[in-house]
Structures are given as C-alpha cells and as structure tokens.
PDB file of N, CA and C in Angstrom:
ATOM      1  N   UNK A   1      90.056  98.163  40.444  1.00  0.00           N
ATOM      2  CA  UNK A   1      90.848  99.367  40.333  1.00  0.00           C
ATOM      3  C   UNK A   1      92.434  99.170  41.102  1.00  0.00           C
ATOM      4  N   UNK A   2      92.062  98.891  42.130  1.00  0.00           N
ATOM      5  CA  UNK A   2      93.364  98.357  42.907  1.00  0.00           C
ATOM      6  C   UNK A   2      94.115  97.444  42.316  1.00  0.00           C
ATOM      7  N   UNK A   3      93.601  96.315  41.649  1.00  0.00           N
ATOM      8  CA  UNK A   3      94.491  95.249  41.216  1.00  0.00           C
ATOM      9  C   UNK A   3      94.860  96.076  39.935  1.00  0.00           C
ATOM     10  N   UNK A   4      94.407  96.710  39.190  1.00  0.00           N
ATOM     11  CA  UNK A   4      95.121  97.452  37.727  1.00  0.00           C
ATOM     12  C   UNK A   4      96.226  98.325  38.086  1.00  0.00           C
ATOM     13  N   UNK A   5      96.002  99.146  39.483  1.00  0.00           N
ATOM     14  CA  UNK A   5      97.019  99.908  39.555  1.00  0.00           C
ATOM     15  C   UNK A   5      98.434  99.067  40.018  1.00  0.00           C
ATOM     16  N   UNK A   6      98.118  97.644  40.814  1.00  0.00           N
ATOM     17  CA  UNK A   6      99.292  96.685  41.140  1.00  0.00           C
ATOM     18  C   UNK A   6      99.915  96.139  40.040  1.00  0.00           C
ATOM     19  N   UNK A   7      99.046  96.241  38.795  1.00  0.00           N
ATOM     20  CA  UNK A   7      99.778  95.298  37.753  1.00  0.00           C
ATOM     21  C   UNK A   7     100.465  96.465  37.181  1.00  0.00           C
ATOM     22  N   UNK A   8     100.314  97.826  37.153  1.00  0.00           N
ATOM     23  CA  UNK A   8     101.047  98.805  36.620  1.00  0.00           C
ATOM     24  C   UNK A   8     102.257  99.055  37.535  1.00  0.00           C
ATOM     25  N   UNK A   9     102.411  98.948  38.742  1.00  0.00           N
ATOM     26  CA  UNK A   9     103.548  98.992  39.608  1.00  0.00           C
ATOM     27  C   UNK A   9     104.521  97.880  39.217  1.00  0.00           C
ATOM     28  N   UNK A  10     103.852  96.324  39.243  1.00  0.00           N
ATOM     29  CA  UNK A  10     104.608  95.403  38.772  1.00  0.00           C
ATOM     30  C   UNK A  10     105.369  95.558  37.511  1.00  0.00           C
ATOM     31  N   UNK A  11     104.621  96.230  36.451  1.00  0.00           N
ATOM     32  CA  UNK A  11     105.371  96.306  35.261  1.00  0.00           C
ATOM     33  C   UNK A  11     106.219  97.266  35.159  1.00  0.00           C
ATOM     34  N   UNK A  12     106.042  98.503  35.837  1.00  0.00           N
ATOM     35  CA  UNK A  12     107.049  99.483  36.110  1.00  0.00           C
ATOM     36  C   UNK A  12     108.555  99.015  36.614  1.00  0.00           C
ATOM     37  N   UNK A  13     108.329  98.254  37.606  1.00  0.00           N
ATOM     38  CA  UNK A  13     109.310  97.747  38.783  1.00  0.00           C
ATOM     39  C   UNK A  13     110.383  96.900  37.679  1.00  0.00           C
ATOM     40  N   UNK A  14     109.278  95.789  36.848  1.00  0.00           N
ATOM     41  CA  UNK A  14     109.998  95.111  36.135  1.00  0.00           C
ATOM     42  C   UNK A  14     110.927  95.695  34.844  1.00  0.00           C
ATOM     43  N   UNK A  15     110.187  96.953  34.362  1.00  0.00           N
ATOM     44  CA  UNK A  15     111.105  97.665  33.340  1.00  0.00           C
ATOM     45  C   UNK A  15     112.203  98.282  33.832  1.00  0.00           C
ATOM     46  N   UNK A  16     111.994  99.001  34.992  1.00  0.00           N
ATOM     47  CA  UNK A  16     113.290  99.159  35.930  1.00  0.00           C
ATOM     48  C   UNK A  16     114.576  98.088  36.087  1.00  0.00           C
ATOM     49  N   UNK A  17     114.004  96.922  36.645  1.00  0.00           N
ATOM     50  CA  UNK A  17     115.165  96.148  36.830  1.00  0.00           C
ATOM     51  C   UNK A  17     115.636  95.879  35.596  1.00  0.00           C
ATOM     52  N   UNK A  18     114.694  95.504  34.348  1.00  0.00           N
ATOM     53  CA  UNK A  18     115.268  95.179  33.117  1.00  0.00           C
ATOM     54  C   UNK A  18     116.241  96.148  32.567  1.00  0.00           C
ATOM     55  N   UNK A  19     115.830  97.417  32.615  1.00  0.00           N
ATOM     56  CA  UNK A  19     117.003  98.793  32.135  1.00  0.00           C
ATOM     57  C   UNK A  19     118.483  98.820  33.109  1.00  0.00           C
ATOM     58  N   UNK A  20     118.036  98.348  34.253  1.00  0.00           N
ATOM     59  CA  UNK A  20     119.173  98.573  35.258  1.00  0.00           C
ATOM     60  C   UNK A  20     119.993  97.285  34.853  1.00  0.00           C
ATOM     61  N   UNK A  21     119.669  96.116  34.423  1.00  0.00           N
ATOM     62  CA  UNK A  21     120.366  94.977  33.898  1.00  0.00           C
ATOM     63  C   UNK A  21     121.230  95.418  32.525  1.00  0.00           C
ATOM     64  N   UNK A  22     120.445  95.892  32.085  1.00  0.00           N
ATOM     65  CA  UNK A  22     120.908  96.258  30.512  1.00  0.00           C
ATOM     66  C   UNK A  22     122.331  97.440  30.490  1.00  0.00           C
ATOM     67  N   UNK A  23     122.437  98.183  31.541  1.00  0.00           N
ATOM     68  CA  UNK A  23     123.135  99.133  31.421  1.00  0.00           C
ATOM     69  C   UNK A  23     124.979  98.595  31.453  1.00  0.00           C
ATOM     70  N   UNK A  24     125.279  97.526  32.229  1.00  0.00           N
ATOM     71  CA  UNK A  24     126.273  97.114  32.514  1.00  0.00           C
ATOM     72  C   UNK A  24     127.067  96.458  30.807  1.00  0.00           C
ATOM     73  N   UNK A  25     126.154  95.962  30.095  1.00  0.00           N
ATOM     74  CA  UNK A  25     126.392  95.589  28.923  1.00  0.00           C
ATOM     75  C   UNK A  25     126.502  96.533  28.025  1.00  0.00           C
ATOM     76  N   UNK A  26     126.121  97.857  28.380  1.00  0.00           N
ATOM     77  CA  UNK A  26     126.377  98.567  26.909  1.00  0.00           C
ATOM     78  C   UNK A  26     127.977  99.265  27.101  1.00  0.00           C
ATOM     79  N   UNK A  27     128.537  98.781  28.233  1.00  0.00           N
ATOM     80  CA  UNK A  27     129.918  99.152  28.484  1.00  0.00           C
ATOM     81  C   UNK A  27     131.083  97.777  28.787  1.00  0.00           C
ATOM     82  N   UNK A  28     130.501  97.071  27.766  1.00  0.00           N
ATOM     83  CA  UNK A  28     131.163  95.334  27.827  1.00  0.00           C
ATOM     84  C   UNK A  28     132.416  95.538  26.882  1.00  0.00           C
ATOM     85  N   UNK A  29     132.317  96.475  25.687  1.00  0.00           N
ATOM     86  CA  UNK A  29     133.232  96.360  24.824  1.00  0.00           C
ATOM     87  C   UNK A  29     133.491  94.991  24.259  1.00  0.00           C
ATOM     88  N   UNK A  30     132.196  94.487  23.925  1.00  0.00           N
ATOM     89  CA  UNK A  30     132.180  93.229  23.163  1.00  0.00           C
ATOM     90  C   UNK A  30     133.133  93.089  21.844  1.00  0.00           C
ATOM     91  N   UNK A  31     133.041  94.112  21.175  1.00  0.00           N
ATOM     92  CA  UNK A  31     133.580  94.396  19.943  1.00  0.00           C
ATOM     93  C   UNK A  31     135.375  94.520  20.058  1.00  0.00           C
ATOM     94  N   UNK A  32     135.500  94.659  21.423  1.00  0.00           N
ATOM     95  CA  UNK A  32     137.211  94.188  21.293  1.00  0.00           C
ATOM     96  C   UNK A  32     137.855  93.236  21.945  1.00  0.00           C
ATOM     97  N   UNK A  33     138.153  92.120  20.701  1.00  0.00           N
ATOM     98  CA  UNK A  33     138.637  91.048  21.271  1.00  0.00           C
ATOM     99  C   UNK A  33     139.973  91.052  21.191  1.00  0.00           C
ATOM    100  N   UNK A  34     140.552  90.314  22.101  1.00  0.00           N
ATOM    101  CA  UNK A  34     142.102  89.773  22.134  1.00  0.00           C
ATOM    102  C   UNK A  34     142.626  89.470  20.869  1.00  0.00           C
ATOM    103  N   UNK A  35     143.988  89.765  20.788  1.00  0.00           N
ATOM    104  CA  UNK A  35     144.940  89.228  19.650  1.00  0.00           C
ATOM    105  C   UNK A  35     144.647  87.661  19.284  1.00  0.00           C
ATOM    106  N   UNK A  36     144.497  86.820  20.392  1.00  0.00           N
ATOM    107  CA  UNK A  36     144.428  85.364  20.385  1.00  0.00           C
ATOM    108  C   UNK A  36     142.783  85.151  19.762  1.00  0.00           C
ATOM    109  N   UNK A  37     141.878  85.785  19.812  1.00  0.00           N
ATOM    110  CA  UNK A  37     140.523  85.704  19.323  1.00  0.00           C
ATOM    111  C   UNK A  37     140.817  85.893  17.825  1.00  0.00           C
ATOM    112  N   UNK A  38     141.278  86.954  17.503  1.00  0.00           N
ATOM    113  CA  UNK A  38     141.303  87.467  15.953  1.00  0.00           C
ATOM    114  C   UNK A  38     142.115  87.046  15.689  1.00  0.00           C
ATOM    115  N   UNK A  39     143.318  85.915  15.845  1.00  0.00           N
ATOM    116  CA  UNK A  39     144.045  85.057  14.799  1.00  0.00           C
ATOM    117  C   UNK A  39     143.091  83.911  14.813  1.00  0.00           C
ATOM    118  N   UNK A  40     142.483  83.477  15.850  1.00  0.00           N
ATOM    119  CA  UNK A  40     141.723  81.875  15.474  1.00  0.00           C
ATOM    120  C   UNK A  40     140.541  82.356  14.549  1.00  0.00           C
ATOM    121  N   UNK A  41     140.235  83.719  14.838  1.00  0.00           N
ATOM    122  CA  UNK A  41     138.882  83.962  13.559  1.00  0.00           C
ATOM    123  C   UNK A  41     139.616  84.087  12.368  1.00  0.00           C
ATOM    124  N   UNK A  42     140.650  84.440  12.163  1.00  0.00           N
ATOM    125  CA  UNK A  42     141.243  84.621  10.832  1.00  0.00           C
ATOM    126  C   UNK A  42     141.638  83.066  10.230  1.00  0.00           C
ATOM    127  N   UNK A  43     142.249  82.328  11.341  1.00  0.00           N
ATOM    128  CA  UNK A  43     142.473  80.896  10.718  1.00  0.00           C
ATOM    129  C   UNK A  43     141.133  80.178  10.197  1.00  0.00           C
ATOM    130  N   UNK A  44     140.257  80.395  11.103  1.00  0.00           N
ATOM    131  CA  UNK A  44     139.072  79.695  10.897  1.00  0.00           C
ATOM    132  C   UNK A  44     138.242  80.069   9.489  1.00  0.00           C
ATOM    133  N   UNK A  45     138.385  81.385   9.145  1.00  0.00           N
ATOM    134  CA  UNK A  45     138.029  81.917   8.051  1.00  0.00           C
ATOM    135  C   UNK A  45     138.767  81.510   6.797  1.00  0.00           C
ATOM    136  N   UNK A  46     140.283  81.357   6.947  1.00  0.00           N
ATOM    137  CA  UNK A  46     141.122  80.669   5.908  1.00  0.00           C
ATOM    138  C   UNK A  46     140.875  79.160   5.569  1.00  0.00           C
ATOM    139  N   UNK A  47     140.366  78.531   6.643  1.00  0.00           N
ATOM    140  CA  UNK A  47     140.208  77.237   6.875  1.00  0.00           C
ATOM    141  C   UNK A  47     138.860  76.787   5.909  1.00  0.00           C
ATOM    142  N   UNK A  48     137.797  77.672   6.225  1.00  0.00           N
ATOM    143  CA  UNK A  48     136.647  77.388   5.705  1.00  0.00           C
ATOM    144  C   UNK A  48     136.606  77.795   4.164  1.00  0.00           C
ATOM    145  N   UNK A  49     137.503  78.801   3.742  1.00  0.00           N
ATOM    146  CA  UNK A  49     137.519  79.520   2.296  1.00  0.00           C
ATOM    147  C   UNK A  49     138.413  77.936   1.595  1.00  0.00           C
ATOM    148  N   UNK A  50     139.280  77.643   2.315  1.00  0.00           N
ATOM    149  CA  UNK A  50     140.100  76.649   1.676  1.00  0.00           C
ATOM    150  C   UNK A  50     139.264  75.105   1.471  1.00  0.00           C
ATOM    151  N   UNK A  51     138.041  75.007   2.376  1.00  0.00           N
ATOM    152  CA  UNK A  51     137.331  73.741   2.308  1.00  0.00           C
ATOM    153  C   UNK A  51     136.052  74.271   1.216  1.00  0.00           C
ATOM    154  N   UNK A  52     135.966  75.174   0.675  1.00  0.00           N
ATOM    155  CA  UNK A  52     134.836  75.581  -0.031  1.00  0.00           C
ATOM    156  C   UNK A  52     134.983  74.744  -1.225  1.00  0.00           C
ATOM    157  N   UNK A  53     133.604  74.470  -1.770  1.00  0.00           N
ATOM    158  CA  UNK A  53     133.911  73.801  -3.010  1.00  0.00           C
ATOM    159  C   UNK A  53     132.807  74.316  -4.028  1.00  0.00           C
ATOM    160  N   UNK A  54     133.044  75.066  -4.979  1.00  0.00           N
ATOM    161  CA  UNK A  54     132.436  75.812  -6.037  1.00  0.00           C
ATOM    162  C   UNK A  54     131.341  74.632  -7.004  1.00  0.00           C
ATOM    163  N   UNK A  55     131.733  73.464  -6.666  1.00  0.00           N
ATOM    164  CA  UNK A  55     130.951  72.259  -7.415  1.00  0.00           C
ATOM    165  C   UNK A  55     130.154  71.673  -6.595  1.00  0.00           C
ATOM    166  N   UNK A  56     128.704  72.199  -6.393  1.00  0.00           N
ATOM    167  CA  UNK A  56     128.226  71.032  -5.515  1.00  0.00           C
ATOM    168  C   UNK A  56     127.641  69.957  -6.180  1.00  0.00           C
ATOM    169  N   UNK A  57     127.671  69.757  -7.258  1.00  0.00           N
ATOM    170  CA  UNK A  57     127.215  68.488  -7.483  1.00  0.00           C
ATOM    171  C   UNK A  57     128.286  67.381  -7.667  1.00  0.00           C
ATOM    172  N   UNK A  58     129.772  67.901  -7.942  1.00  0.00           N
ATOM    173  CA  UNK A  58     130.700  66.983  -7.691  1.00  0.00           C
ATOM    174  C   UNK A  58     130.965  66.551  -6.073  1.00  0.00           C
ATOM    175  N   UNK A  59     130.510  67.385  -5.191  1.00  0.00           N
ATOM    176  CA  UNK A  59     130.692  67.322  -4.000  1.00  0.00           C
ATOM    177  C   UNK A  59     129.365  66.181  -3.477  1.00  0.00           C
ATOM    178  N   UNK A  60     128.333  66.315  -3.959  1.00  0.00           N
ATOM    179  CA  UNK A  60     127.628  65.469  -3.493  1.00  0.00           C
ATOM    180  C   UNK A  60     127.759  64.329  -4.139  1.00  0.00           C
ATOM    181  N   UNK A  61     128.338  63.840  -5.728  1.00  0.00           N
ATOM    182  CA  UNK A  61     128.638  62.889  -6.258  1.00  0.00           C
ATOM    183  C   UNK A  61     129.660  61.958  -5.386  1.00  0.00           C
ATOM    184  N   UNK A  62     130.614  62.887  -5.006  1.00  0.00           N
ATOM    185  CA  UNK A  62     131.777  62.151  -3.766  1.00  0.00           C
ATOM    186  C   UNK A  62     131.122  61.585  -2.766  1.00  0.00           C
ATOM    187  N   UNK A  63     130.416  62.084  -2.356  1.00  0.00           N
ATOM    188  CA  UNK A  63     129.749  61.949  -0.786  1.00  0.00           C
ATOM    189  C   UNK A  63     129.034  60.555  -1.137  1.00  0.00           C
ATOM    190  N   UNK A  64     128.245  60.600  -2.182  1.00  0.00           N
ATOM    191  CA  UNK A  64     127.276  59.437  -2.366  1.00  0.00           C
ATOM    192  C   UNK A  64     128.095  57.989  -2.807  1.00  0.00           C
ATOM    193  N   UNK A  65     129.213  58.837  -3.368  1.00  0.00           N
ATOM    194  CA  UNK A  65     130.138  57.289  -3.610  1.00  0.00           C
ATOM    195  C   UNK A  65     130.685  56.876  -2.476  1.00  0.00           C
ATOM    196  N   UNK A  66     131.440  57.532  -1.639  1.00  0.00           N
ATOM    197  CA  UNK A  66     131.918  57.139  -0.472  1.00  0.00           C
ATOM    198  C   UNK A  66     130.593  56.295   0.563  1.00  0.00           C
ATOM    199  N   UNK A  67     129.682  56.878   0.804  1.00  0.00           N
ATOM    200  CA  UNK A  67     128.592  56.217   1.293  1.00  0.00           C
ATOM    201  C   UNK A  67     128.441  55.059   0.755  1.00  0.00           C
ATOM    202  N   UNK A  68     128.557  54.745  -0.566  1.00  0.00           N
ATOM    203  CA  UNK A  68     128.140  53.604  -1.360  1.00  0.00           C
ATOM    204  C   UNK A  68     129.111  52.537  -0.876  1.00  0.00           C
ATOM    205  N   UNK A  69     130.341  52.896  -1.196  1.00  0.00           N
ATOM    206  CA  UNK A  69     131.786  52.016  -0.798  1.00  0.00           C
ATOM    207  C   UNK A  69     131.294  51.603   0.585  1.00  0.00           C
ATOM    208  N   UNK A  70     130.907  52.640   1.416  1.00  0.00           N
ATOM    209  CA  UNK A  70     131.036  51.724   3.098  1.00  0.00           C
ATOM    210  C   UNK A  70     129.852  50.886   3.175  1.00  0.00           C
ATOM    211  N   UNK A  71     128.751  51.300   2.701  1.00  0.00           N
ATOM    212  CA  UNK A  71     127.561  50.096   2.941  1.00  0.00           C
ATOM    213  C   UNK A  71     127.999  49.230   2.070  1.00  0.00           C
ATOM    214  N   UNK A  72     128.429  49.264   0.907  1.00  0.00           N
ATOM    215  CA  UNK A  72     128.758  47.743   0.154  1.00  0.00           C
ATOM    216  C   UNK A  72     130.178  47.423   0.530  1.00  0.00           C
ATOM    217  N   UNK A  73     130.788  47.580   1.659  1.00  0.00           N
ATOM    218  CA  UNK A  73     131.986  46.979   1.849  1.00  0.00           C
ATOM    219  C   UNK A  73     131.727  45.481   2.216  1.00  0.00           C
ATOM    220  N   UNK A  74     132.753  44.643   2.022  1.00  0.00           N
ATOM    221  CA  UNK A  74     132.219  43.085   2.235  1.00  0.00           C
ATOM    222  C   UNK A  74     132.856  42.646   3.411  1.00  0.00           C
ATOM    223  N   UNK A  75     133.642  43.811   4.147  1.00  0.00           N
ATOM    224  CA  UNK A  75     134.003  43.371   5.635  1.00  0.00           C
ATOM    225  C   UNK A  75     132.711  43.665   6.492  1.00  0.00           C
ATOM    226  N   UNK A  76     131.862  44.546   6.226  1.00  0.00           N
ATOM    227  CA  UNK A  76     130.640  44.858   7.027  1.00  0.00           C
ATOM    228  C   UNK A  76     129.198  43.836   6.647  1.00  0.00           C
ATOM    229  N   UNK A  77     129.200  42.705   6.747  1.00  0.00           N
ATOM    230  CA  UNK A  77     128.071  41.707   6.323  1.00  0.00           C
ATOM    231  C   UNK A  77     126.905  41.995   6.901  1.00  0.00           C
ATOM    232  N   UNK A  78     126.664  42.508   8.121  1.00  0.00           N
ATOM    233  CA  UNK A  78     125.472  42.966   8.536  1.00  0.00           C
ATOM    234  C   UNK A  78     124.794  44.123   8.018  1.00  0.00           C
ATOM    235  N   UNK A  79     125.749  45.135   7.063  1.00  0.00           N
ATOM    236  CA  UNK A  79     125.202  46.202   6.593  1.00  0.00           C
ATOM    237  C   UNK A  79     124.691  45.641   5.066  1.00  0.00           C
ATOM    238  N   UNK A  80     125.195  44.607   4.783  1.00  0.00           N
ATOM    239  CA  UNK A  80     124.796  44.148   3.543  1.00  0.00           C
ATOM    240  C   UNK A  80     123.229  43.209   3.535  1.00  0.00           C
ATOM    241  N   UNK A  81     122.809  42.621   4.608  1.00  0.00           N
ATOM    242  CA  UNK A  81     121.946  42.198   4.564  1.00  0.00           C
ATOM    243  C   UNK A  81     120.660  43.023   4.931  1.00  0.00           C
ATOM    244  N   UNK A  82     120.861  43.874   5.581  1.00  0.00           N
ATOM    245  CA  UNK A  82     119.485  44.800   5.292  1.00  0.00           C
ATOM    246  C   UNK A  82     119.655  45.306   4.099  1.00  0.00           C
ATOM    247  N   UNK A  83     120.068  45.279   3.421  1.00  0.00           N
ATOM    248  CA  UNK A  83     120.070  46.021   1.767  1.00  0.00           C
ATOM    249  C   UNK A  83     118.847  45.055   1.314  1.00  0.00           C
TER     250      UNK A  83
END
C-alpha cells in the first residue's frame, strides 16, 4: 500500500511540474509574427503558387524525359554501361 501511495505522489508531482512548464507557453504570443516573417511567408506562398502545375501527367513526362536524357547522355559512359 505504501508503494501505491508513492506512485500517486510521483504522478501528482509530475503533473504539477508539467502544468507549471506549460504556463509560460500560454503567454508566448506565437501568433504575433514580426513583419519580416510575414513578408517571407507571403513570398513563399506566391512562389509556391507560381510553381504549381495543374497537369501532373505533363510534369511527370517532363521529369522522365530529363532523367532519360541524363542517363543516356554520351558524356557519361559509365552510366550507359550499367543499363
């Protein structure tokens, strides 16, 4: 029975320490970014929207074509021997 009481006190102590460590994070204002980070986020969004391709088949064909050209390039003979 004494070991059970010890386990409860350890769990209670752990819970108190965990709760106490969370209190500073509640007031961290994570959502308030500085203007530099907001500008970078907007630039990243615009860059990703510009790079988006609505036709995945065309993207795959282009990728496969470029890989094929790289593998079968005459200047890289050691790659041709592997095939």
